Protein backbone atom coordinates (compact mmCIF):
# COMPACT_ATOMS: atom_id res chain seq x y z
CA MET A 1 18.98 59.34 139.68
CA GLN A 2 15.71 59.59 141.95
CA ALA A 3 13.43 58.70 138.99
CA ALA A 4 15.54 55.92 138.23
CA LEU A 5 15.58 54.75 141.95
CA THR A 6 11.65 54.81 141.86
CA ALA A 7 11.42 52.94 138.79
CA PHE A 8 13.39 50.60 139.53
CA GLY A 9 11.76 50.23 142.67
CA TRP A 10 8.53 49.66 141.64
CA LEU A 11 9.51 47.11 139.04
CA LEU A 12 11.08 45.33 141.70
CA LEU A 13 8.00 45.19 144.07
CA LEU A 14 5.39 44.01 140.85
CA GLN A 15 7.70 41.71 140.10
CA GLY A 16 8.13 40.20 143.30
CA ALA A 17 4.54 40.78 144.02
CA GLY A 18 3.44 39.02 140.53
CA GLY A 19 5.89 35.87 140.85
CA LEU A 20 4.28 35.49 144.64
CA ILE A 21 0.58 35.25 143.37
CA ASN A 22 1.61 33.74 140.50
CA SER A 23 3.42 31.02 142.20
CA LEU A 24 1.31 30.79 145.18
CA LEU A 25 -2.16 30.82 143.32
CA GLY A 26 -1.36 30.46 140.04
CA TRP A 27 -4.06 32.89 138.94
CA TRP A 28 -1.94 34.50 136.39
CA ARG A 29 -0.84 32.30 133.48
CA TRP A 30 -0.89 34.76 130.40
CA ALA A 31 1.77 36.26 132.71
CA HIS A 32 4.46 33.58 133.32
CA ASP A 33 6.90 34.38 131.08
CA LEU A 34 6.63 38.15 131.89
CA LEU A 35 8.18 37.46 135.51
CA VAL A 36 12.01 37.26 135.88
CA VAL A 37 11.68 34.59 138.62
CA ASN A 38 10.27 32.32 135.86
CA LEU A 39 12.53 33.30 133.27
CA LEU A 40 15.65 32.07 135.33
CA PRO A 41 16.45 28.75 135.59
CA VAL A 42 18.45 28.54 138.50
CA LEU A 43 15.27 29.63 140.69
CA ARG A 44 13.58 26.38 139.37
CA GLY A 45 11.53 25.69 142.64
CA TYR A 46 12.43 28.46 144.61
CA GLU A 47 10.23 30.99 143.41
CA VAL A 48 8.50 32.01 146.07
CA PHE A 49 11.43 33.09 148.26
CA ALA A 50 13.08 34.62 144.77
CA SER A 51 9.61 36.85 144.93
CA ILE A 52 9.57 37.63 148.35
CA VAL A 53 13.48 38.81 147.89
CA LEU A 54 12.19 41.22 144.60
CA GLY A 55 9.73 42.72 146.65
CA VAL A 56 11.69 43.24 149.78
CA LEU A 57 14.30 44.89 147.64
CA GLY A 58 11.70 47.29 145.99
CA PHE A 59 10.67 48.58 149.42
CA ALA A 60 14.13 48.76 149.62
CA LEU A 61 14.74 51.17 146.36
CA LEU A 62 11.78 52.88 146.96
CA ALA A 63 13.10 53.83 150.61
CA VAL A 64 16.16 55.02 149.12
CA SER A 65 14.43 57.23 146.81
CA ALA A 66 11.74 58.78 149.23
CA SER A 67 15.11 59.54 151.43
CA ALA A 68 16.97 61.38 148.88
CA LYS A 69 14.41 63.02 147.71
CA ARG A 70 13.99 64.06 151.54
CA ALA A 71 17.64 65.02 151.90
CA GLU A 72 17.84 66.66 148.67
CA GLU A 73 14.31 68.96 149.57
CA GLU A 74 16.25 69.88 152.77
CA GLY A 75 19.71 71.19 151.10
């Protein structure tokens, strides 16, 4: 379970950071179709906010994963 939380956390964090950089600066035109915020038509116009939310969710999943690891080690 911890490995899945860590993997999804990093995935969401990278999607959020990539979407934010691409939305604000437009550097990664080649990655446009790889970012979740660009694939969902309901998010059109809200890419920056959706990227921030994805990044925060990624941080939250990574924190939960670290907490679960510490709880498992303690007993």
